[in-house]
Amino acid sequence: MDDHEKINYLELPAVDIVAIKRFYQNTFDWQFVDYGDEYCAFNDGVINGGFYQVDVRSSYEKGGALIVLYSKNLEESAAKVLNNNGVIVKPIFSFPGGRRFHFTDPNGNELAIWSDK
């Protein structure tokens, strides 16, 4: 696979690094490595990235990038988000090619999860 000029790493803002790690680890089983108090790297099994300490939240409605995860079972993923203190901000809806929902993590960053099922 040629990785030239392909997305290689993703960095996201986090107001509370401890809460963000707990949410993504408990909800999606992401793995983390700390690099000081203001940065942690993650691996979700497909992509590597990190969360950096800031006082700003990422919002799709305000022009921020929308990170979209894939799920084999959308309803199960929505339940896991809610059970780990995430907030569904756009309930499951259909679009050409599948369905998805949007949620915010405990830091208020908005992401989406989609499924073709």
Protein backbone atom coordinates (compact mmCIF):
# COMPACT_ATOMS: atom_id res chain seq x y z
CA MET A 1 0.00 0.00 0.00
CA ASP A 2 1.31 3.42 -0.93
CA ASP A 3 0.86 5.76 2.03
CA HIS A 4 2.29 8.82 0.26
CA GLU A 5 0.00 11.81 0.90
CA LYS A 6 -2.63 9.71 2.70
CA ILE A 7 -4.02 10.50 6.14
CA ASN A 8 -1.48 9.13 8.57
CA TYR A 9 -2.28 10.66 11.95
CA LEU A 10 -5.21 12.54 13.45
CA GLU A 11 -5.08 15.04 16.32
CA LEU A 12 -8.17 16.13 18.23
CA PRO A 13 -8.72 18.70 20.97
CA ALA A 14 -9.46 17.64 24.54
CA VAL A 15 -10.48 19.85 27.42
CA ASP A 16 -10.10 16.94 29.87
CA ILE A 17 -7.52 14.34 28.80
CA VAL A 18 -8.46 11.89 31.58
CA ALA A 19 -12.17 11.95 30.65
CA ILE A 20 -11.46 11.63 26.93
CA LYS A 21 -9.23 8.58 27.47
CA ARG A 22 -11.78 6.90 29.73
CA PHE A 23 -14.62 7.50 27.23
CA TYR A 24 -12.85 6.17 24.11
CA GLN A 25 -11.22 3.28 25.93
CA ASN A 26 -14.47 2.14 27.60
CA THR A 27 -16.70 2.82 24.59
CA PHE A 28 -14.57 1.69 21.64
CA ASP A 29 -11.57 -0.07 23.24
CA TRP A 30 -9.05 2.44 21.93
CA GLN A 31 -5.52 2.13 23.36
CA PHE A 32 -3.59 5.13 24.74
CA VAL A 33 -0.02 6.21 25.50
CA ASP A 34 0.54 9.35 27.58
CA TYR A 35 3.13 11.94 26.61
CA GLY A 36 2.97 14.27 29.58
CA ASP A 37 -0.15 15.82 31.10
CA GLU A 38 -1.29 17.63 27.96
CA TYR A 39 -1.05 14.98 25.23
CA CYS A 40 -1.96 11.34 24.74
CA ALA A 41 -1.65 9.24 21.62
CA PHE A 42 -4.33 6.74 20.63
CA ASN A 43 -4.69 3.74 18.38
CA ASP A 44 -8.18 2.58 17.42
CA GLY A 45 -6.93 -0.51 15.61
CA VAL A 46 -6.93 1.24 12.23
CA ILE A 47 -5.51 4.74 12.66
CA ASN A 48 -3.18 6.43 15.10
CA GLY A 49 -3.77 9.86 16.51
CA GLY A 50 -3.69 11.95 19.61
CA PHE A 51 -5.62 14.25 21.89
CA TYR A 52 -4.04 17.57 22.87
CA GLN A 53 -5.01 19.80 25.79
CA VAL A 54 -7.01 22.88 24.81
CA ASP A 55 -9.92 24.99 26.02
CA VAL A 56 -11.82 24.58 22.72
CA ARG A 57 -14.34 21.98 21.59
CA SER A 58 -14.63 20.70 18.01
CA SER A 59 -18.06 21.28 16.50
CA TYR A 60 -19.30 20.07 13.12
CA GLU A 61 -22.05 22.71 13.20
CA LYS A 62 -19.42 25.45 13.59
CA GLY A 63 -17.27 24.21 10.71
CA GLY A 64 -15.06 21.66 12.46
CA ALA A 65 -14.04 18.44 10.75
CA LEU A 66 -16.39 15.51 11.31
CA ILE A 67 -14.66 12.27 12.24
CA VAL A 68 -16.87 9.33 11.20
CA LEU A 69 -16.47 5.84 12.68
CA TYR A 70 -17.92 2.69 11.12
CA SER A 71 -20.14 0.22 13.01
CA LYS A 72 -21.47 -3.22 12.16
CA ASN A 73 -24.36 -2.57 14.59
CA LEU A 74 -25.43 1.08 14.81
CA GLU A 75 -27.92 0.63 17.65
CA GLU A 76 -25.35 -1.19 19.77
CA SER A 77 -22.78 1.54 19.15
CA ALA A 78 -25.31 4.23 20.10
CA ALA A 79 -26.04 2.40 23.36
CA LYS A 80 -22.31 2.18 24.16
CA VAL A 81 -21.92 5.92 23.55
CA LEU A 82 -24.80 6.68 25.93
CA ASN A 83 -23.60 4.18 28.56
CA ASN A 84 -20.22 5.93 28.69
CA ASN A 85 -21.52 9.51 29.13
CA GLY A 86 -21.57 10.47 25.46
CA VAL A 87 -24.52 12.49 24.15
CA ILE A 88 -26.42 11.71 20.95
CA VAL A 89 -26.85 15.08 19.20
CA LYS A 90 -28.38 13.72 15.96
CA PRO A 91 -30.34 10.48 16.35
CA ILE A 92 -29.94 7.69 13.80
CA PHE A 93 -31.00 8.84 10.35
CA SER A 94 -30.83 7.35 6.86
CA PHE A 95 -28.86 8.74 3.95
CA PRO A 96 -28.06 7.26 0.52
CA GLY A 97 -25.81 4.30 1.28
CA GLY A 98 -26.56 3.79 4.95
CA ARG A 99 -27.49 5.25 8.30
CA ARG A 100 -25.62 7.25 10.94
CA PHE A 101 -25.86 9.25 14.12
CA HIS A 102 -23.82 12.07 15.62
CA PHE A 103 -22.63 12.22 19.22
CA THR A 104 -20.48 14.35 21.46
CA ASP A 105 -17.85 12.87 23.73
CA PRO A 106 -17.45 14.06 27.35
CA ASN A 107 -15.35 16.99 26.10
CA GLY A 108 -18.06 18.12 23.65
CA ASN A 109 -16.24 17.02 20.47
CA GLU A 110 -18.76 15.96 17.83
CA LEU A 111 -18.19 12.71 15.91
CA ALA A 112 -20.47 10.40 13.91
CA ILE A 113 -20.90 6.67 13.51
CA TRP A 114 -22.30 5.17 10.31
CA SER A 115 -23.31 1.76 9.08
CA ASP A 116 -24.27 0.31 5.73
CA LYS A 117 -26.67 -2.10 7.49
